[in-house]
Amino acid sequence: MKENERHESSGKKWSRIWLWLGVIVLIIILLCWLFGIGTAEDITGVSNG
């Protein structure tokens, strides 16, 4: 019984890690896309032109 419970808790731990990893990757992609189309540059004032 204890072996099964331990396996289940580690499975939840890994699924939580993968969930956060996916969220971080999505945020990075979103930021790259915003900088790619120039919206974030206009907001932050990075480009001088």
PDB file of N, CA and C in Angstrom:
ATOM      1  N   MET A   1       0.823  -1.199   0.000  1.00  0.00           N
ATOM      2  CA  MET A   1       0.000   0.000   0.000  1.00  0.00           C
ATOM      3  C   MET A   1       0.869   1.266   0.000  1.00  0.00           C
ATOM      4  N   LYS A   2       1.893   1.280   0.847  1.00  0.00           N
ATOM      5  CA  LYS A   2       2.716   2.487   0.962  1.00  0.00           C
ATOM      6  C   LYS A   2       3.493   2.758  -0.329  1.00  0.00           C
ATOM      7  N   GLU A   3       3.923   1.698  -0.992  1.00  0.00           N
ATOM      8  CA  GLU A   3       4.658   1.869  -2.254  1.00  0.00           C
ATOM      9  C   GLU A   3       3.770   2.564  -3.294  1.00  0.00           C
ATOM     10  N   ASN A   4       2.507   2.151  -3.340  1.00  0.00           N
ATOM     11  CA  ASN A   4       1.571   2.737  -4.295  1.00  0.00           C
ATOM     12  C   ASN A   4       1.314   4.210  -3.971  1.00  0.00           C
ATOM     13  N   GLU A   5       1.172   4.537  -2.685  1.00  0.00           N
ATOM     14  CA  GLU A   5       0.929   5.922  -2.293  1.00  0.00           C
ATOM     15  C   GLU A   5       2.129   6.793  -2.633  1.00  0.00           C
ATOM     16  N   ARG A   6       3.329   6.273  -2.416  1.00  0.00           N
ATOM     17  CA  ARG A   6       4.537   7.028  -2.719  1.00  0.00           C
ATOM     18  C   ARG A   6       4.623   7.291  -4.225  1.00  0.00           C
ATOM     19  N   HIS A   7       4.304   6.291  -5.014  1.00  0.00           N
ATOM     20  CA  HIS A   7       4.347   6.442  -6.476  1.00  0.00           C
ATOM     21  C   HIS A   7       3.332   7.494  -6.926  1.00  0.00           C
ATOM     22  N   GLU A   8       2.170   7.493  -6.304  1.00  0.00           N
ATOM     23  CA  GLU A   8       1.129   8.431  -6.680  1.00  0.00           C
ATOM     24  C   GLU A   8       1.540   9.869  -6.350  1.00  0.00           C
ATOM     25  N   SER A   9       2.152  10.069  -5.187  1.00  0.00           N
ATOM     26  CA  SER A   9       2.555  11.422  -4.799  1.00  0.00           C
ATOM     27  C   SER A   9       3.690  11.928  -5.690  1.00  0.00           C
ATOM     28  N   SER A  10       4.623  11.048  -6.071  1.00  0.00           N
ATOM     29  CA  SER A  10       5.697  11.480  -6.965  1.00  0.00           C
ATOM     30  C   SER A  10       5.135  11.787  -8.349  1.00  0.00           C
ATOM     31  N   GLY A  11       4.118  11.063  -8.775  1.00  0.00           N
ATOM     32  CA  GLY A  11       3.481  11.345 -10.053  1.00  0.00           C
ATOM     33  C   GLY A  11       2.821  12.709 -10.047  1.00  0.00           C
ATOM     34  N   LYS A  12       2.170  13.051  -8.939  1.00  0.00           N
ATOM     35  CA  LYS A  12       1.561  14.377  -8.832  1.00  0.00           C
ATOM     36  C   LYS A  12       2.629  15.451  -8.846  1.00  0.00           C
ATOM     37  N   LYS A  13       3.761  15.174  -8.188  1.00  0.00           N
ATOM     38  CA  LYS A  13       4.859  16.140  -8.144  1.00  0.00           C
ATOM     39  C   LYS A  13       5.385  16.414  -9.550  1.00  0.00           C
ATOM     40  N   TRP A  14       5.587  15.347 -10.335  1.00  0.00           N
ATOM     41  CA  TRP A  14       6.125  15.528 -11.689  1.00  0.00           C
ATOM     42  C   TRP A  14       5.116  16.215 -12.596  1.00  0.00           C
ATOM     43  N   SER A  15       3.833  15.900 -12.434  1.00  0.00           N
ATOM     44  CA  SER A  15       2.841  16.557 -13.286  1.00  0.00           C
ATOM     45  C   SER A  15       2.776  18.043 -12.964  1.00  0.00           C
ATOM     46  N   ARG A  16       2.985  18.384 -11.695  1.00  0.00           N
ATOM     47  CA  ARG A  16       3.009  19.797 -11.297  1.00  0.00           C
ATOM     48  C   ARG A  16       4.216  20.510 -11.912  1.00  0.00           C
ATOM     49  N   ILE A  17       5.368  19.844 -11.921  1.00  0.00           N
ATOM     50  CA  ILE A  17       6.574  20.426 -12.513  1.00  0.00           C
ATOM     51  C   ILE A  17       6.375  20.648 -14.009  1.00  0.00           C
ATOM     52  N   TRP A  18       5.813  19.652 -14.693  1.00  0.00           N
ATOM     53  CA  TRP A  18       5.580  19.789 -16.139  1.00  0.00           C
ATOM     54  C   TRP A  18       4.574  20.891 -16.433  1.00  0.00           C
ATOM     55  N   LEU A  19       3.581  21.041 -15.548  1.00  0.00           N
ATOM     56  CA  LEU A  19       2.595  22.108 -15.737  1.00  0.00           C
ATOM     57  C   LEU A  19       3.254  23.479 -15.667  1.00  0.00           C
ATOM     58  N   TRP A  20       4.091  23.691 -14.648  1.00  0.00           N
ATOM     59  CA  TRP A  20       4.779  24.975 -14.507  1.00  0.00           C
ATOM     60  C   TRP A  20       5.762  25.198 -15.642  1.00  0.00           C
ATOM     61  N   LEU A  21       6.427  24.133 -16.080  1.00  0.00           N
ATOM     62  CA  LEU A  21       7.360  24.256 -17.194  1.00  0.00           C
ATOM     63  C   LEU A  21       6.616  24.697 -18.455  1.00  0.00           C
ATOM     64  N   GLY A  22       5.458  24.127 -18.688  1.00  0.00           N
ATOM     65  CA  GLY A  22       4.645  24.510 -19.837  1.00  0.00           C
ATOM     66  C   GLY A  22       4.200  25.963 -19.773  1.00  0.00           C
ATOM     67  N   VAL A  23       3.824  26.418 -18.574  1.00  0.00           N
ATOM     68  CA  VAL A  23       3.399  27.807 -18.395  1.00  0.00           C
ATOM     69  C   VAL A  23       4.557  28.757 -18.687  1.00  0.00           C
ATOM     70  N   ILE A  24       5.748  28.425 -18.180  1.00  0.00           N
ATOM     71  CA  ILE A  24       6.929  29.265 -18.406  1.00  0.00           C
ATOM     72  C   ILE A  24       7.266  29.330 -19.896  1.00  0.00           C
ATOM     73  N   VAL A  25       7.193  28.187 -20.581  1.00  0.00           N
ATOM     74  CA  VAL A  25       7.486  28.161 -22.017  1.00  0.00           C
ATOM     75  C   VAL A  25       6.472  29.005 -22.780  1.00  0.00           C
ATOM     76  N   LEU A  26       5.206  28.918 -22.400  1.00  0.00           N
ATOM     77  CA  LEU A  26       4.185  29.730 -23.073  1.00  0.00           C
ATOM     78  C   LEU A  26       4.435  31.218 -22.869  1.00  0.00           C
ATOM     79  N   ILE A  27       4.848  31.607 -21.672  1.00  0.00           N
ATOM     80  CA  ILE A  27       5.143  33.013 -21.405  1.00  0.00           C
ATOM     81  C   ILE A  27       6.320  33.480 -22.251  1.00  0.00           C
ATOM     82  N   ILE A  28       7.349  32.646 -22.360  1.00  0.00           N
ATOM     83  CA  ILE A  28       8.519  33.003 -23.169  1.00  0.00           C
ATOM     84  C   ILE A  28       8.129  33.171 -24.639  1.00  0.00           C
ATOM     85  N   ILE A  29       7.312  32.236 -25.141  1.00  0.00           N
ATOM     86  CA  ILE A  29       6.865  32.328 -26.533  1.00  0.00           C
ATOM     87  C   ILE A  29       6.036  33.597 -26.747  1.00  0.00           C
ATOM     88  N   LEU A  30       5.169  33.898 -25.797  1.00  0.00           N
ATOM     89  CA  LEU A  30       4.346  35.102 -25.906  1.00  0.00           C
ATOM     90  C   LEU A  30       5.209  36.359 -25.929  1.00  0.00           C
ATOM     91  N   LEU A  31       6.220  36.410 -25.065  1.00  0.00           N
ATOM     92  CA  LEU A  31       7.113  37.568 -25.040  1.00  0.00           C
ATOM     93  C   LEU A  31       7.888  37.702 -26.349  1.00  0.00           C
ATOM     94  N   CYS A  32       8.387  36.576 -26.857  1.00  0.00           N
ATOM     95  CA  CYS A  32       9.119  36.614 -28.138  1.00  0.00           C
ATOM     96  C   CYS A  32       8.212  37.083 -29.263  1.00  0.00           C
ATOM     97  N   TRP A  33       6.959  36.640 -29.250  1.00  0.00           N
ATOM     98  CA  TRP A  33       6.019  37.040 -30.281  1.00  0.00           C
ATOM     99  C   TRP A  33       5.708  38.535 -30.188  1.00  0.00           C
ATOM    100  N   LEU A  34       5.523  39.028 -28.966  1.00  0.00           N
ATOM    101  CA  LEU A  34       5.238  40.452 -28.791  1.00  0.00           C
ATOM    102  C   LEU A  34       6.406  41.308 -29.258  1.00  0.00           C
ATOM    103  N   PHE A  35       7.638  40.898 -28.911  1.00  0.00           N
ATOM    104  CA  PHE A  35       8.801  41.653 -29.369  1.00  0.00           C
ATOM    105  C   PHE A  35       8.968  41.520 -30.880  1.00  0.00           C
ATOM    106  N   GLY A  36       8.565  40.359 -31.415  1.00  0.00           N
ATOM    107  CA  GLY A  36       8.686  40.145 -32.850  1.00  0.00           C
ATOM    108  C   GLY A  36       7.791  41.067 -33.651  1.00  0.00           C
ATOM    109  N   ILE A  37       6.576  41.323 -33.166  1.00  0.00           N
ATOM    110  CA  ILE A  37       5.673  42.201 -33.917  1.00  0.00           C
ATOM    111  C   ILE A  37       5.864  43.659 -33.523  1.00  0.00           C
ATOM    112  N   GLY A  38       6.692  43.919 -32.499  1.00  0.00           N
ATOM    113  CA  GLY A  38       7.021  45.291 -32.139  1.00  0.00           C
ATOM    114  C   GLY A  38       6.125  45.915 -31.095  1.00  0.00           C
ATOM    115  N   THR A  39       5.127  45.195 -30.589  1.00  0.00           N
ATOM    116  CA  THR A  39       4.223  45.776 -29.609  1.00  0.00           C
ATOM    117  C   THR A  39       4.948  46.068 -28.303  1.00  0.00           C
ATOM    118  N   ALA A  40       5.716  45.105 -27.818  1.00  0.00           N
ATOM    119  CA  ALA A  40       6.414  45.275 -26.549  1.00  0.00           C
ATOM    120  C   ALA A  40       7.478  46.360 -26.664  1.00  0.00           C
ATOM    121  N   GLU A  41       8.090  46.494 -27.844  1.00  0.00           N
ATOM    122  CA  GLU A  41       9.100  47.533 -28.041  1.00  0.00           C
ATOM    123  C   GLU A  41       8.466  48.924 -27.931  1.00  0.00           C
ATOM    124  N   ASP A  42       7.271  49.061 -28.467  1.00  0.00           N
ATOM    125  CA  ASP A  42       6.587  50.348 -28.378  1.00  0.00           C
ATOM    126  C   ASP A  42       6.209  50.663 -26.922  1.00  0.00           C
ATOM    127  N   ILE A  43       5.768  49.619 -26.217  1.00  0.00           N
ATOM    128  CA  ILE A  43       5.336  49.831 -24.821  1.00  0.00           C
ATOM    129  C   ILE A  43       6.530  50.185 -23.935  1.00  0.00           C
ATOM    130  N   THR A  44       7.630  49.455 -24.092  1.00  0.00           N
ATOM    131  CA  THR A  44       8.799  49.658 -23.233  1.00  0.00           C
ATOM    132  C   THR A  44       9.700  50.781 -23.730  1.00  0.00           C
ATOM    133  N   GLY A  45       9.518  51.224 -24.959  1.00  0.00           N
ATOM    134  CA  GLY A  45      10.341  52.284 -25.507  1.00  0.00           C
ATOM    135  C   GLY A  45      11.755  51.852 -25.836  1.00  0.00           C
ATOM    136  N   VAL A  46      11.914  50.595 -26.235  1.00  0.00           N
ATOM    137  CA  VAL A  46      13.249  50.086 -26.549  1.00  0.00           C
ATOM    138  C   VAL A  46      13.776  50.714 -27.835  1.00  0.00           C
ATOM    139  N   SER A  47      12.943  50.737 -28.849  1.00  0.00           N
ATOM    140  CA  SER A  47      13.412  51.257 -30.151  1.00  0.00           C
ATOM    141  C   SER A  47      13.314  52.787 -30.169  1.00  0.00           C
ATOM    142  N   ASN A  48      14.316  53.430 -30.737  1.00  0.00           N
ATOM    143  CA  ASN A  48      14.344  54.875 -30.796  1.00  0.00           C
ATOM    144  C   ASN A  48      13.609  55.427 -32.024  1.00  0.00           C
ATOM    145  N   GLY A  49      13.428  54.560 -33.025  1.00  0.00           N
ATOM    146  CA  GLY A  49      12.826  55.032 -34.253  1.00  0.00           C
ATOM    147  C   GLY A  49      11.338  55.164 -34.146  1.00  0.00           C
TER     148      GLY A  49
END
